[in-house]
C-alpha atoms as a PDB file:
ATOM      1  CA  MET A   1       9.178  16.829 -29.480  1.00  0.00           C
ATOM      2  CA  LYS A   2      11.051  13.501 -29.540  1.00  0.00           C
ATOM      3  CA  SER A   3      10.321  12.927 -25.857  1.00  0.00           C
ATOM      4  CA  LEU A   4       6.582  13.268 -26.488  1.00  0.00           C
ATOM      5  CA  ASN A   5       6.817  10.349 -28.915  1.00  0.00           C
ATOM      6  CA  THR A   6       8.282   8.118 -26.202  1.00  0.00           C
ATOM      7  CA  LEU A   7       5.564   8.734 -23.603  1.00  0.00           C
ATOM      8  CA  PRO A   8       3.523   5.668 -22.654  1.00  0.00           C
ATOM      9  CA  ASP A   9       0.103   5.336 -24.259  1.00  0.00           C
ATOM     10  CA  THR A  10      -1.691   4.266 -21.073  1.00  0.00           C
ATOM     11  CA  VAL A  11      -1.923   5.332 -17.461  1.00  0.00           C
ATOM     12  CA  THR A  12      -0.609   1.905 -16.453  1.00  0.00           C
ATOM     13  CA  GLY A  13       2.381   2.416 -18.749  1.00  0.00           C
ATOM     14  CA  THR A  14       3.058   5.777 -17.112  1.00  0.00           C
ATOM     15  CA  TYR A  15       3.056   4.209 -13.649  1.00  0.00           C
ATOM     16  CA  ASP A  16       5.252   1.361 -14.879  1.00  0.00           C
ATOM     17  CA  ASP A  17       7.771   3.963 -16.082  1.00  0.00           C
ATOM     18  CA  ILE A  18       7.670   5.726 -12.714  1.00  0.00           C
ATOM     19  CA  MET A  19       8.274   2.455 -10.877  1.00  0.00           C
ATOM     20  CA  LEU A  20      11.196   1.682 -13.218  1.00  0.00           C
ATOM     21  CA  ARG A  21      12.718   5.051 -12.273  1.00  0.00           C
ATOM     22  CA  ILE A  22      12.236   4.344  -8.564  1.00  0.00           C
ATOM     23  CA  ASN A  23      13.743   0.871  -8.989  1.00  0.00           C
ATOM     24  CA  SER A  24      16.790   2.425 -10.671  1.00  0.00           C
ATOM     25  CA  PHE A  25      17.602   4.435  -7.510  1.00  0.00           C
ATOM     26  CA  SER A  26      20.371   3.388  -5.179  1.00  0.00           C
ATOM     27  CA  GLU A  27      19.355   0.607  -2.782  1.00  0.00           C
ATOM     28  CA  GLU A  28      19.025   3.114   0.075  1.00  0.00           C
ATOM     29  CA  ASP A  29      16.885   5.613  -1.859  1.00  0.00           C
ATOM     30  CA  ARG A  30      14.727   2.854  -3.339  1.00  0.00           C
ATOM     31  CA  GLY A  31      14.112   1.494   0.169  1.00  0.00           C
ATOM     32  CA  ILE A  32      13.150   4.940   1.442  1.00  0.00           C
ATOM     33  CA  ALA A  33      10.785   5.485  -1.500  1.00  0.00           C
ATOM     34  CA  TYR A  34       9.085   2.152  -0.833  1.00  0.00           C
ATOM     35  CA  ARG A  35       8.791   2.927   2.889  1.00  0.00           C
ATOM     36  CA  ILE A  36       7.210   6.299   2.085  1.00  0.00           C
ATOM     37  CA  LEU A  37       4.718   4.718  -0.305  1.00  0.00           C
ATOM     38  CA  SER A  38       3.965   1.944   2.189  1.00  0.00           C
ATOM     39  CA  TRP A  39       3.256   4.370   5.022  1.00  0.00           C
ATOM     40  CA  ILE A  40       0.951   6.428   2.811  1.00  0.00           C
ATOM     41  CA  ILE A  41      -0.921   3.389   1.508  1.00  0.00           C
ATOM     42  CA  LEU A  42      -1.214   1.502   4.812  1.00  0.00           C
ATOM     43  CA  ALA A  43      -1.888   4.374   7.217  1.00  0.00           C
ATOM     44  CA  PHE A  44      -5.291   4.305   8.913  1.00  0.00           C
ATOM     45  CA  ARG A  45      -5.707   7.966   8.055  1.00  0.00           C
ATOM     46  CA  PRO A  46      -3.926  10.405   5.739  1.00  0.00           C
ATOM     47  CA  LEU A  47      -0.580  11.494   7.178  1.00  0.00           C
ATOM     48  CA  ARG A  48       0.694  15.034   7.231  1.00  0.00           C
ATOM     49  CA  ILE A  49       4.175  15.580   5.861  1.00  0.00           C
ATOM     50  CA  GLY A  50       5.585  16.251   9.349  1.00  0.00           C
ATOM     51  CA  GLU A  51       4.110  13.005  10.663  1.00  0.00           C
ATOM     52  CA  LEU A  52       5.676  11.026   7.830  1.00  0.00           C
ATOM     53  CA  ILE A  53       9.058  12.664   8.388  1.00  0.00           C
ATOM     54  CA  TYR A  54       8.850  11.819  12.086  1.00  0.00           C
ATOM     55  CA  VAL A  55       7.848   8.186  11.543  1.00  0.00           C
ATOM     56  CA  LEU A  56      10.595   7.664   8.949  1.00  0.00           C
ATOM     57  CA  GLU A  57      13.127   8.878  11.500  1.00  0.00           C
ATOM     58  CA  PHE A  58      11.547   6.905  14.341  1.00  0.00           C
ATOM     59  CA  VAL A  59      11.689   3.556  12.544  1.00  0.00           C
ATOM     60  CA  LYS A  60      15.432   3.965  11.998  1.00  0.00           C
ATOM     61  CA  GLY A  61      15.797   2.892  15.617  1.00  0.00           C
ATOM     62  CA  ASP A  62      18.065   5.723  16.731  1.00  0.00           C
ATOM     63  CA  GLU A  63      17.762   6.731  20.368  1.00  0.00           C
ATOM     64  CA  THR A  64      17.205  10.355  19.388  1.00  0.00           C
ATOM     65  CA  ILE A  65      15.703  12.021  16.359  1.00  0.00           C
ATOM     66  CA  ASP A  66      17.792  14.737  14.767  1.00  0.00           C
ATOM     67  CA  LEU A  67      15.312  17.012  13.011  1.00  0.00           C
ATOM     68  CA  ASN A  68      18.194  18.682  11.183  1.00  0.00           C
ATOM     69  CA  ASP A  69      19.026  15.371   9.489  1.00  0.00           C
ATOM     70  CA  CYS A  70      15.506  14.416   8.326  1.00  0.00           C
ATOM     71  CA  LEU A  71      14.256  14.124   4.792  1.00  0.00           C
ATOM     72  CA  SER A  72      12.753  17.336   3.506  1.00  0.00           C
ATOM     73  CA  ARG A  73       9.364  17.698   1.849  1.00  0.00           C
ATOM     74  CA  HIS A  74      11.155  18.165  -1.470  1.00  0.00           C
ATOM     75  CA  GLU A  75      13.233  14.997  -0.997  1.00  0.00           C
ATOM     76  CA  ILE A  76      10.155  12.937  -0.126  1.00  0.00           C
ATOM     77  CA  LEU A  77       8.266  14.134  -3.185  1.00  0.00           C
ATOM     78  CA  SER A  78      11.323  13.647  -5.381  1.00  0.00           C
ATOM     79  CA  LEU A  79      11.858  10.066  -4.201  1.00  0.00           C
ATOM     80  CA  CYS A  80       8.221   9.262  -5.013  1.00  0.00           C
ATOM     81  CA  GLN A  81       8.600  10.542  -8.580  1.00  0.00           C
ATOM     82  CA  GLY A  82       5.177  12.180  -8.846  1.00  0.00           C
ATOM     83  CA  LEU A  83       3.173   9.360  -7.233  1.00  0.00           C
ATOM     84  CA  VAL A  84       2.593  11.402  -4.069  1.00  0.00           C
ATOM     85  CA  ILE A  85       1.225  14.892  -3.569  1.00  0.00           C
ATOM     86  CA  VAL A  86       0.716  17.112  -0.533  1.00  0.00           C
ATOM     87  CA  GLU A  87      -2.779  18.546  -0.351  1.00  0.00           C
ATOM     88  CA  GLN A  88      -2.540  22.328  -0.295  1.00  0.00           C
ATOM     89  CA  GLU A  89      -5.156  23.048   2.378  1.00  0.00           C
ATOM     90  CA  SER A  90      -4.584  20.195   4.815  1.00  0.00           C
ATOM     91  CA  GLY A  91      -0.902  19.411   4.261  1.00  0.00           C
ATOM     92  CA  LYS A  92      -1.832  15.729   4.070  1.00  0.00           C
ATOM     93  CA  LEU A  93      -0.017  13.306   1.817  1.00  0.00           C
ATOM     94  CA  ARG A  94      -1.867  11.167  -0.658  1.00  0.00           C
ATOM     95  CA  LEU A  95      -1.258   9.227  -3.803  1.00  0.00           C
ATOM     96  CA  VAL A  96      -1.808  11.213  -6.954  1.00  0.00           C
ATOM     97  CA  ARG A  97      -4.528   8.799  -8.092  1.00  0.00           C
ATOM     98  CA  GLU A  98      -6.737   6.757  -5.793  1.00  0.00           C
ATOM     99  CA  PHE A  99      -6.542   3.567  -7.848  1.00  0.00           C
ATOM    100  CA  LEU A 100      -2.823   3.374  -7.044  1.00  0.00           C
ATOM    101  CA  TYR A 101      -3.803   2.123  -3.604  1.00  0.00           C
ATOM    102  CA  PHE A 102      -4.803  -1.096  -5.298  1.00  0.00           C
ATOM    103  CA  ASN A 103      -2.157  -1.302  -8.028  1.00  0.00           C
ATOM    104  CA  LEU A 104       1.209  -0.615  -6.367  1.00  0.00           C
END
């Protein structure tokens, strides 16, 4: 019950708390979270989870992509702390709320 008393009163406050959690990650994890959010926000079309995993590996600059060493769906969603969901039917990634595209 105590934790309910500490919840933010506004949606903006909730997102501020999420961003504080992301910013408290290690430098590497924080960078990955920001890259994930950037790809989702700036993509010309919604990306599927597999496409995002591939592009995250591709931009590392390695000569080969080791699919056994990629981020998992769970890791991607965990790093984004609830800001990102995977649509059930299409498998496409999107922000949990559309107005985040303009506020992040």
